[in-house]
Amino acid sequence: MFFLIQGCYPKYTFRLPSYIVGFILFFFLGYQITCMVGAMAIKGSTDEINFSIKSKLPDYWTGTHREITPGESQELMNYVTKEYPLVGLYLGNADFQGYDATQIANAMTDKIDEYMNWYILRRVGWSILFIVIGVFIVIKTMTTASSLSKRRNSSSGSRIRRKDDF
């Protein structure tokens, strides 16, 4: 980011606040990217989660068209979060009332996939917002190279001499 800003504003130099903003932005973006990678890992394992849910269903549920109760769907979600702890960090409660045993595994993994898509989109949005705010603050904290040299000259005690000075 600093290289792009420096390329757009070649006559400006960074000051200490610019570097502090960059340091803070590094941690904010690092957190957002870590969350996105976790969500992508969950999305990548939805087929495995689907198979795991189907294998967990009791024999008396399979092949029946009896609706799953909220308690039973939460029991399945607890099983998924126990088998896949990363899922538990992103999802908590499950209410898949209205689905039967033949649909529940696909319904759960579809909802997990849908939620992870929305979660990743939010992380991308926050990252873009942080970058825009960071770039704005860094540009506002930059100074021109000429004003920096003037400040250095005036603080060192030197002054500009005029013709009529003796």
N, C-alpha and C. Protein backbone atom coordinates (compact mmCIF):
# COMPACT_ATOMS: atom_id res chain seq x y z
N MET A 1 0.83 -1.17 0.00
CA MET A 1 0.00 0.00 0.00
C MET A 1 0.88 1.25 0.00
N PHE A 2 1.95 1.22 0.78
CA PHE A 2 2.81 2.40 0.85
C PHE A 2 3.47 2.68 -0.50
N PHE A 3 3.81 1.62 -1.25
CA PHE A 3 4.43 1.81 -2.55
C PHE A 3 3.45 2.46 -3.53
N LEU A 4 2.20 2.06 -3.48
CA LEU A 4 1.19 2.65 -4.36
C LEU A 4 0.96 4.11 -4.03
N ILE A 5 0.88 4.41 -2.75
CA ILE A 5 0.67 5.81 -2.34
C ILE A 5 1.88 6.64 -2.74
N GLN A 6 3.07 6.11 -2.52
CA GLN A 6 4.28 6.85 -2.88
C GLN A 6 4.35 7.06 -4.40
N GLY A 7 3.87 6.08 -5.18
CA GLY A 7 3.85 6.24 -6.62
C GLY A 7 2.88 7.32 -7.07
N CYS A 8 1.76 7.46 -6.38
CA CYS A 8 0.77 8.49 -6.73
C CYS A 8 1.15 9.87 -6.20
N TYR A 9 1.90 9.92 -5.13
CA TYR A 9 2.30 11.18 -4.51
C TYR A 9 3.81 11.19 -4.34
N PRO A 10 4.56 11.33 -5.46
CA PRO A 10 6.02 11.21 -5.36
C PRO A 10 6.69 12.37 -4.63
N LYS A 11 6.05 13.52 -4.54
CA LYS A 11 6.67 14.67 -3.87
C LYS A 11 6.37 14.70 -2.38
N TYR A 12 5.67 13.71 -1.90
CA TYR A 12 5.30 13.66 -0.48
C TYR A 12 6.14 12.59 0.22
N THR A 13 6.34 12.78 1.51
CA THR A 13 7.07 11.79 2.30
C THR A 13 6.19 11.34 3.47
N PHE A 14 6.47 10.14 3.91
CA PHE A 14 5.72 9.59 5.04
C PHE A 14 6.29 10.12 6.34
N ARG A 15 5.41 10.31 7.30
CA ARG A 15 5.82 10.71 8.64
C ARG A 15 5.50 9.58 9.60
N LEU A 16 5.83 9.72 10.85
CA LEU A 16 5.62 8.69 11.85
C LEU A 16 4.15 8.26 11.94
N PRO A 17 3.17 9.19 11.94
CA PRO A 17 1.77 8.74 11.97
C PRO A 17 1.39 7.85 10.79
N SER A 18 2.00 8.08 9.62
CA SER A 18 1.72 7.25 8.46
C SER A 18 2.13 5.80 8.72
N TYR A 19 3.29 5.63 9.32
CA TYR A 19 3.78 4.28 9.62
C TYR A 19 2.97 3.62 10.73
N ILE A 20 2.51 4.41 11.68
CA ILE A 20 1.67 3.85 12.75
C ILE A 20 0.35 3.36 12.17
N VAL A 21 -0.24 4.13 11.27
CA VAL A 21 -1.48 3.70 10.62
C VAL A 21 -1.25 2.42 9.83
N GLY A 22 -0.15 2.34 9.12
CA GLY A 22 0.18 1.12 8.37
C GLY A 22 0.36 -0.08 9.28
N PHE A 23 0.98 0.11 10.42
CA PHE A 23 1.18 -0.97 11.39
C PHE A 23 -0.16 -1.46 11.93
N ILE A 24 -1.04 -0.55 12.29
CA ILE A 24 -2.37 -0.92 12.81
C ILE A 24 -3.19 -1.61 11.71
N LEU A 25 -3.11 -1.08 10.51
CA LEU A 25 -3.84 -1.66 9.38
C LEU A 25 -3.37 -3.08 9.10
N PHE A 26 -2.10 -3.34 9.29
CA PHE A 26 -1.55 -4.68 9.10
C PHE A 26 -2.27 -5.69 10.01
N PHE A 27 -2.50 -5.34 11.25
CA PHE A 27 -3.18 -6.26 12.17
C PHE A 27 -4.66 -6.41 11.85
N PHE A 28 -5.32 -5.31 11.50
CA PHE A 28 -6.74 -5.40 11.13
C PHE A 28 -6.93 -6.29 9.91
N LEU A 29 -6.11 -6.09 8.90
CA LEU A 29 -6.22 -6.91 7.68
C LEU A 29 -5.80 -8.35 7.94
N GLY A 30 -4.83 -8.55 8.80
CA GLY A 30 -4.41 -9.90 9.15
C GLY A 30 -5.53 -10.69 9.80
N TYR A 31 -6.28 -10.03 10.68
CA TYR A 31 -7.43 -10.68 11.31
C TYR A 31 -8.50 -11.04 10.29
N GLN A 32 -8.80 -10.09 9.39
CA GLN A 32 -9.84 -10.33 8.38
C GLN A 32 -9.44 -11.48 7.45
N ILE A 33 -8.19 -11.51 7.06
CA ILE A 33 -7.73 -12.57 6.16
C ILE A 33 -7.74 -13.92 6.86
N THR A 34 -7.37 -13.95 8.13
CA THR A 34 -7.42 -15.20 8.88
C THR A 34 -8.84 -15.73 8.98
N CYS A 35 -9.79 -14.85 9.21
CA CYS A 35 -11.19 -15.26 9.26
C CYS A 35 -11.66 -15.78 7.90
N MET A 36 -11.23 -15.12 6.82
CA MET A 36 -11.62 -15.57 5.48
C MET A 36 -11.04 -16.95 5.17
N VAL A 37 -9.80 -17.17 5.56
CA VAL A 37 -9.17 -18.48 5.29
C VAL A 37 -9.90 -19.58 6.06
N GLY A 38 -10.31 -19.31 7.29
CA GLY A 38 -11.08 -20.29 8.06
C GLY A 38 -12.40 -20.60 7.40
N ALA A 39 -13.08 -19.58 6.91
CA ALA A 39 -14.37 -19.79 6.23
C ALA A 39 -14.17 -20.58 4.94
N MET A 40 -13.09 -20.31 4.23
CA MET A 40 -12.82 -21.06 3.00
C MET A 40 -12.49 -22.52 3.31
N ALA A 41 -11.83 -22.76 4.44
CA ALA A 41 -11.54 -24.14 4.84
C ALA A 41 -12.83 -24.89 5.14
N ILE A 42 -13.77 -24.22 5.78
CA ILE A 42 -15.07 -24.85 6.05
C ILE A 42 -15.80 -25.13 4.74
N LYS A 43 -15.79 -24.16 3.82
CA LYS A 43 -16.44 -24.37 2.53
C LYS A 43 -15.82 -25.55 1.78
N GLY A 44 -14.53 -25.72 1.93
CA GLY A 44 -13.86 -26.82 1.26
C GLY A 44 -14.17 -28.18 1.84
N SER A 45 -14.68 -28.22 3.05
CA SER A 45 -14.97 -29.51 3.68
C SER A 45 -16.46 -29.80 3.80
N THR A 46 -17.30 -29.09 3.06
CA THR A 46 -18.74 -29.33 3.18
C THR A 46 -19.15 -30.71 2.69
N ASP A 47 -18.46 -31.23 1.67
CA ASP A 47 -18.78 -32.60 1.22
C ASP A 47 -18.48 -33.62 2.32
N GLU A 48 -17.38 -33.42 2.98
CA GLU A 48 -17.01 -34.31 4.09
C GLU A 48 -18.00 -34.18 5.25
N ILE A 49 -18.42 -32.95 5.52
CA ILE A 49 -19.42 -32.73 6.58
C ILE A 49 -20.74 -33.39 6.21
N ASN A 50 -21.13 -33.30 4.95
CA ASN A 50 -22.36 -33.93 4.48
C ASN A 50 -22.31 -35.44 4.70
N PHE A 51 -21.21 -36.06 4.33
CA PHE A 51 -21.05 -37.50 4.53
C PHE A 51 -21.08 -37.84 6.02
N SER A 52 -20.45 -37.01 6.84
CA SER A 52 -20.42 -37.25 8.28
C SER A 52 -21.82 -37.16 8.88
N ILE A 53 -22.61 -36.21 8.43
CA ILE A 53 -23.99 -36.07 8.94
C ILE A 53 -24.81 -37.29 8.54
N LYS A 54 -24.67 -37.71 7.29
CA LYS A 54 -25.43 -38.88 6.83
C LYS A 54 -25.04 -40.13 7.61
N SER A 55 -23.78 -40.26 7.97
CA SER A 55 -23.36 -41.45 8.73
C SER A 55 -23.80 -41.36 10.18
N LYS A 56 -24.04 -40.16 10.68
CA LYS A 56 -24.47 -39.97 12.07
C LYS A 56 -25.96 -40.25 12.25
N LEU A 57 -26.75 -40.06 11.20
CA LEU A 57 -28.19 -40.25 11.32
C LEU A 57 -28.50 -41.66 11.82
N PRO A 58 -29.31 -41.77 12.83
CA PRO A 58 -29.68 -43.11 13.31
C PRO A 58 -30.42 -43.91 12.24
N ASP A 59 -30.34 -45.20 12.35
CA ASP A 59 -30.98 -46.07 11.36
C ASP A 59 -32.48 -45.84 11.27
N TYR A 60 -33.12 -45.52 12.39
CA TYR A 60 -34.57 -45.34 12.33
C TYR A 60 -34.96 -44.03 11.67
N TRP A 61 -33.99 -43.10 11.44
CA TRP A 61 -34.29 -41.87 10.72
C TRP A 61 -34.15 -42.05 9.22
N THR A 62 -33.19 -42.85 8.79
CA THR A 62 -32.89 -42.95 7.37
C THR A 62 -34.06 -43.57 6.62
N GLY A 63 -34.38 -42.99 5.51
CA GLY A 63 -35.45 -43.48 4.68
C GLY A 63 -36.84 -43.06 5.13
N THR A 64 -36.96 -42.42 6.27
CA THR A 64 -38.27 -41.97 6.74
C THR A 64 -38.49 -40.53 6.29
N HIS A 65 -39.73 -40.17 6.25
CA HIS A 65 -40.06 -38.80 5.87
C HIS A 65 -40.61 -38.03 7.07
N ARG A 66 -40.19 -38.46 8.25
CA ARG A 66 -40.57 -37.77 9.48
C ARG A 66 -39.74 -36.49 9.60
N GLU A 67 -40.40 -35.40 9.99
CA GLU A 67 -39.69 -34.13 10.14
C GLU A 67 -38.73 -34.18 11.33
N ILE A 68 -37.59 -33.53 11.15
CA ILE A 68 -36.60 -33.41 12.21
C ILE A 68 -37.06 -32.29 13.15
N THR A 69 -36.98 -32.54 14.43
CA THR A 69 -37.34 -31.51 15.41
C THR A 69 -36.16 -30.56 15.62
N PRO A 70 -36.42 -29.38 16.17
CA PRO A 70 -35.31 -28.46 16.44
C PRO A 70 -34.25 -29.07 17.36
N GLY A 71 -34.67 -29.85 18.32
CA GLY A 71 -33.72 -30.49 19.22
C GLY A 71 -32.83 -31.49 18.49
N GLU A 72 -33.43 -32.23 17.57
CA GLU A 72 -32.65 -33.21 16.81
C GLU A 72 -31.68 -32.51 15.85
N SER A 73 -32.12 -31.41 15.24
CA SER A 73 -31.21 -30.70 14.35
C SER A 73 -30.06 -30.06 15.14
N GLN A 74 -30.35 -29.58 16.35
CA GLN A 74 -29.28 -29.02 17.19
C GLN A 74 -28.33 -30.13 17.62
N GLU A 75 -28.85 -31.32 17.88
CA GLU A 75 -28.00 -32.46 18.23
C GLU A 75 -27.05 -32.77 17.08
N LEU A 76 -27.57 -32.73 15.86
CA LEU A 76 -26.71 -32.96 14.69
C LEU A 76 -25.66 -31.85 14.55
N MET A 77 -26.06 -30.61 14.80
CA MET A 77 -25.09 -29.51 14.71
C MET A 77 -24.02 -29.64 15.80
N ASN A 78 -24.42 -30.06 16.99
CA ASN A 78 -23.43 -30.29 18.04
C ASN A 78 -22.44 -31.37 17.62
N TYR A 79 -22.95 -32.40 16.95
CA TYR A 79 -22.08 -33.46 16.46
C TYR A 79 -21.10 -32.90 15.42
N VAL A 80 -21.60 -32.06 14.51
CA VAL A 80 -20.74 -31.48 13.48
C VAL A 80 -19.67 -30.60 14.11
N THR A 81 -20.05 -29.78 15.08
CA THR A 81 -19.06 -28.90 15.71
C THR A 81 -18.06 -29.68 16.56
N LYS A 82 -18.47 -30.84 17.04
CA LYS A 82 -17.52 -31.68 17.78
C LYS A 82 -16.53 -32.34 16.83
N GLU A 83 -17.03 -32.80 15.68
CA GLU A 83 -16.17 -33.45 14.69
C GLU A 83 -15.31 -32.43 13.93
N TYR A 84 -15.86 -31.26 13.71
CA TYR A 84 -15.17 -30.20 12.96
C TYR A 84 -15.17 -28.94 13.83
N PRO A 85 -14.21 -28.79 14.72
CA PRO A 85 -14.22 -27.66 15.67
C PRO A 85 -14.21 -26.29 14.99
N LEU A 86 -13.64 -26.19 13.82
CA LEU A 86 -13.62 -24.91 13.13
C LEU A 86 -15.03 -24.42 12.80
N VAL A 87 -15.92 -25.35 12.51
CA VAL A 87 -17.32 -25.00 12.22
C VAL A 87 -17.96 -24.37 13.46
N GLY A 88 -17.60 -24.88 14.63
CA GLY A 88 -18.15 -24.35 15.87
C GLY A 88 -17.76 -22.91 16.14
N LEU A 89 -16.62 -22.47 15.58
CA LEU A 89 -16.21 -21.08 15.76
C LEU A 89 -17.04 -20.12 14.93
N TYR A 90 -17.62 -20.62 13.85
CA TYR A 90 -18.39 -19.78 12.95
C TYR A 90 -19.90 -19.96 13.12
N LEU A 91 -20.33 -21.14 13.48
CA LEU A 91 -21.76 -21.44 13.60
C LEU A 91 -22.05 -21.96 15.00
N GLY A 92 -23.24 -21.70 15.47
CA GLY A 92 -23.59 -22.17 16.80
C GLY A 92 -24.88 -22.97 16.80
N ASN A 93 -25.98 -22.28 16.68
CA ASN A 93 -27.29 -22.92 16.77
C ASN A 93 -27.78 -23.36 15.40
N ALA A 94 -28.62 -24.37 15.42
CA ALA A 94 -29.20 -24.87 14.18
C ALA A 94 -30.68 -25.14 14.40
N ASP A 95 -31.50 -24.67 13.49
CA ASP A 95 -32.92 -24.96 13.53
C ASP A 95 -33.34 -25.36 12.12
N PHE A 96 -33.37 -26.64 11.89
CA PHE A 96 -33.73 -27.17 10.58
C PHE A 96 -35.08 -27.86 10.66
N GLN A 97 -35.98 -27.23 11.34
CA GLN A 97 -37.33 -27.77 11.46
C GLN A 97 -38.00 -27.72 10.09
N GLY A 98 -38.69 -28.78 9.75
CA GLY A 98 -39.38 -28.85 8.48
C GLY A 98 -38.68 -29.75 7.48
N TYR A 99 -37.44 -30.13 7.77
CA TYR A 99 -36.73 -31.05 6.88
C TYR A 99 -36.90 -32.47 7.43
N ASP A 100 -36.90 -33.43 6.52
CA ASP A 100 -36.96 -34.81 6.99
C ASP A 100 -35.56 -35.42 6.93
N ALA A 101 -35.45 -36.65 7.36
CA ALA A 101 -34.15 -37.29 7.49
C ALA A 101 -33.44 -37.46 6.15
N THR A 102 -34.19 -37.54 5.08
CA THR A 102 -33.56 -37.70 3.77
C THR A 102 -32.98 -36.38 3.25
N GLN A 103 -33.43 -35.25 3.81
CA GLN A 103 -33.00 -33.94 3.33
C GLN A 103 -32.04 -33.22 4.28
N ILE A 104 -31.96 -33.67 5.51
CA ILE A 104 -31.29 -32.88 6.54
C ILE A 104 -29.80 -32.67 6.26
N ALA A 105 -29.10 -33.68 5.79
CA ALA A 105 -27.65 -33.53 5.54
C ALA A 105 -27.40 -32.50 4.45
N ASN A 106 -28.14 -32.59 3.36
CA ASN A 106 -27.96 -31.62 2.28
C ASN A 106 -28.39 -30.23 2.72
N ALA A 107 -29.46 -30.14 3.49
CA ALA A 107 -29.94 -28.83 3.95
C ALA A 107 -28.91 -28.18 4.87
N MET A 108 -28.32 -28.97 5.77
CA MET A 108 -27.34 -28.40 6.70
C MET A 108 -26.09 -27.93 5.95
N THR A 109 -25.59 -28.74 5.04
CA THR A 109 -24.38 -28.33 4.34
C THR A 109 -24.65 -27.17 3.38
N ASP A 110 -25.83 -27.11 2.79
CA ASP A 110 -26.18 -25.97 1.95
C ASP A 110 -26.23 -24.68 2.77
N LYS A 111 -26.81 -24.76 3.97
CA LYS A 111 -26.86 -23.57 4.83
C LYS A 111 -25.47 -23.17 5.31
N ILE A 112 -24.64 -24.16 5.63
CA ILE A 112 -23.26 -23.86 6.04
C ILE A 112 -22.54 -23.15 4.89
N ASP A 113 -22.68 -23.68 3.69
CA ASP A 113 -22.03 -23.10 2.52
C ASP A 113 -22.55 -21.68 2.26
N GLU A 114 -23.86 -21.50 2.36
CA GLU A 114 -24.47 -20.18 2.15
C GLU A 114 -23.98 -19.17 3.20
N TYR A 115 -23.93 -19.60 4.45
CA TYR A 115 -23.46 -18.71 5.51
C TYR A 115 -21.99 -18.35 5.33
N MET A 116 -21.17 -19.31 4.92
CA MET A 116 -19.75 -19.03 4.71
C MET A 116 -19.54 -18.06 3.54
N ASN A 117 -20.36 -18.17 2.49
CA ASN A 117 -20.27 -17.20 1.39
C ASN A 117 -20.55 -15.80 1.89
N TRP A 118 -21.61 -15.65 2.68
CA TRP A 118 -21.97 -14.34 3.24
C TRP A 118 -20.89 -13.86 4.20
N TYR A 119 -20.34 -14.75 4.98
CA TYR A 119 -19.28 -14.40 5.94
C TYR A 119 -18.04 -13.89 5.19
N ILE A 120 -17.64 -14.59 4.13
CA ILE A 120 -16.47 -14.17 3.35
C ILE A 120 -16.73 -12.82 2.71
N LEU A 121 -17.91 -12.60 2.20
CA LEU A 121 -18.25 -11.32 1.60
C LEU A 121 -18.16 -10.18 2.62
N ARG A 122 -18.61 -10.43 3.83
CA ARG A 122 -18.50 -9.41 4.87
C ARG A 122 -17.04 -9.12 5.21
N ARG A 123 -16.21 -10.15 5.28
CA ARG A 123 -14.79 -9.95 5.58
C ARG A 123 -14.12 -9.13 4.48
N VAL A 124 -14.47 -9.40 3.22
CA VAL A 124 -13.91 -8.63 2.10
C VAL A 124 -14.36 -7.17 2.22
N GLY A 125 -15.62 -6.96 2.56
CA GLY A 125 -16.13 -5.60 2.73
C GLY A 125 -15.41 -4.84 3.82
N TRP A 126 -15.21 -5.49 4.97
CA TRP A 126 -14.48 -4.84 6.06
C TRP A 126 -13.04 -4.55 5.65
N SER A 127 -12.42 -5.46 4.92
CA SER A 127 -11.04 -5.24 4.49
C SER A 127 -10.94 -4.03 3.57
N ILE A 128 -11.87 -3.93 2.63
CA ILE A 128 -11.86 -2.78 1.72
C ILE A 128 -12.08 -1.49 2.50
N LEU A 129 -13.00 -1.50 3.45
CA LEU A 129 -13.25 -0.32 4.26
C LEU A 129 -12.00 0.09 5.05
N PHE A 130 -11.33 -0.89 5.67
CA PHE A 130 -10.10 -0.58 6.41
C PHE A 130 -9.03 -0.01 5.49
N ILE A 131 -8.91 -0.55 4.29
CA ILE A 131 -7.89 -0.05 3.36
C ILE A 131 -8.20 1.37 2.93
N VAL A 132 -9.46 1.65 2.62
CA VAL A 132 -9.83 3.01 2.19
C VAL A 132 -9.58 4.01 3.32
N ILE A 133 -9.99 3.67 4.52
CA ILE A 133 -9.77 4.58 5.65
C ILE A 133 -8.27 4.74 5.92
N GLY A 134 -7.53 3.64 5.85
CA GLY A 134 -6.09 3.71 6.07
C GLY A 134 -5.38 4.56 5.04
N VAL A 135 -5.73 4.40 3.77
CA VAL A 135 -5.12 5.20 2.71
C VAL A 135 -5.46 6.67 2.92
N PHE A 136 -6.68 6.98 3.26
CA PHE A 136 -7.08 8.37 3.49
C PHE A 136 -6.26 8.99 4.64
N ILE A 137 -6.12 8.26 5.73
CA ILE A 137 -5.38 8.79 6.88
C ILE A 137 -3.90 8.93 6.54
N VAL A 138 -3.34 7.94 5.85
CA VAL A 138 -1.91 8.03 5.49
C VAL A 138 -1.66 9.22 4.58
N ILE A 139 -2.53 9.45 3.61
CA ILE A 139 -2.35 10.59 2.71
C ILE A 139 -2.45 11.90 3.47
N LYS A 140 -3.37 11.96 4.42
CA LYS A 140 -3.52 13.19 5.22
C LYS A 140 -2.33 13.44 6.14
N THR A 141 -1.62 12.39 6.53
CA THR A 141 -0.49 12.57 7.44
C THR A 141 0.84 12.78 6.71
N MET A 142 0.84 12.69 5.39
CA MET A 142 2.07 12.88 4.62
C MET A 142 2.36 14.38 4.49
N THR A 143 3.64 14.68 4.30
CA THR A 143 4.05 16.06 4.06
C THR A 143 4.85 16.11 2.77
N THR A 144 4.89 17.30 2.17
CA THR A 144 5.70 17.45 0.96
C THR A 144 7.17 17.48 1.35
N ALA A 145 8.01 17.04 0.45
CA ALA A 145 9.45 17.01 0.73
C ALA A 145 9.98 18.42 0.92
N SER A 146 9.44 19.42 0.20
CA SER A 146 9.91 20.79 0.34
C SER A 146 9.54 21.37 1.70
N SER A 147 8.34 21.07 2.20
CA SER A 147 7.96 21.59 3.52
C SER A 147 8.78 20.92 4.61
N LEU A 148 9.16 19.69 4.40
CA LEU A 148 10.00 19.00 5.38
C LEU A 148 11.40 19.61 5.40
N SER A 149 11.95 19.94 4.23
CA SER A 149 13.29 20.55 4.21
C SER A 149 13.24 21.96 4.77
N LYS A 150 12.15 22.71 4.54
CA LYS A 150 12.01 24.04 5.12
C LYS A 150 11.95 23.95 6.63
N ARG A 151 11.22 22.96 7.12
CA ARG A 151 11.11 22.79 8.57
C ARG A 151 12.47 22.45 9.18
N ARG A 152 13.23 21.61 8.48
CA ARG A 152 14.56 21.25 8.99
C ARG A 152 15.48 22.46 8.99
N ASN A 153 15.43 23.26 7.92
CA ASN A 153 16.29 24.44 7.85
C ASN A 153 15.92 25.46 8.91
N SER A 154 14.66 25.64 9.15
CA SER A 154 14.25 26.64 10.13
C SER A 154 14.54 26.15 11.55
N SER A 155 14.52 24.88 11.77
CA SER A 155 14.77 24.39 13.12
C SER A 155 16.26 24.31 13.41
N SER A 156 17.11 24.31 12.37
CA SER A 156 18.55 24.20 12.62
C SER A 156 19.18 25.56 12.86
N GLY A 157 18.42 26.61 12.78
CA GLY A 157 18.95 27.93 13.07
C GLY A 157 19.41 28.68 11.84
N SER A 158 19.45 28.06 10.70
CA SER A 158 19.86 28.78 9.50
C SER A 158 18.69 29.61 8.99
N ARG A 159 19.04 30.68 8.32
CA ARG A 159 17.99 31.51 7.77
C ARG A 159 18.38 31.94 6.37
N ILE A 160 17.39 32.37 5.64
CA ILE A 160 17.63 32.79 4.28
C ILE A 160 18.19 34.20 4.30
N ARG A 161 19.28 34.40 3.60
CA ARG A 161 19.90 35.74 3.56
C ARG A 161 19.38 36.52 2.38
N ARG A 162 19.15 37.79 2.63
CA ARG A 162 18.74 38.67 1.56
C ARG A 162 19.92 39.51 1.08
N LYS A 163 19.72 40.19 -0.04
CA LYS A 163 20.82 40.99 -0.60
C LYS A 163 21.23 42.11 0.34
N ASP A 164 20.27 42.71 1.00
CA ASP A 164 20.61 43.86 1.81
C ASP A 164 21.12 43.48 3.20
N ASP A 165 21.21 42.17 3.50
CA ASP A 165 21.79 41.76 4.78
C ASP A 165 23.33 41.88 4.69
N PHE A 166 23.95 42.42 5.72
CA PHE A 166 25.40 42.53 5.73
C PHE A 166 26.00 41.59 6.68
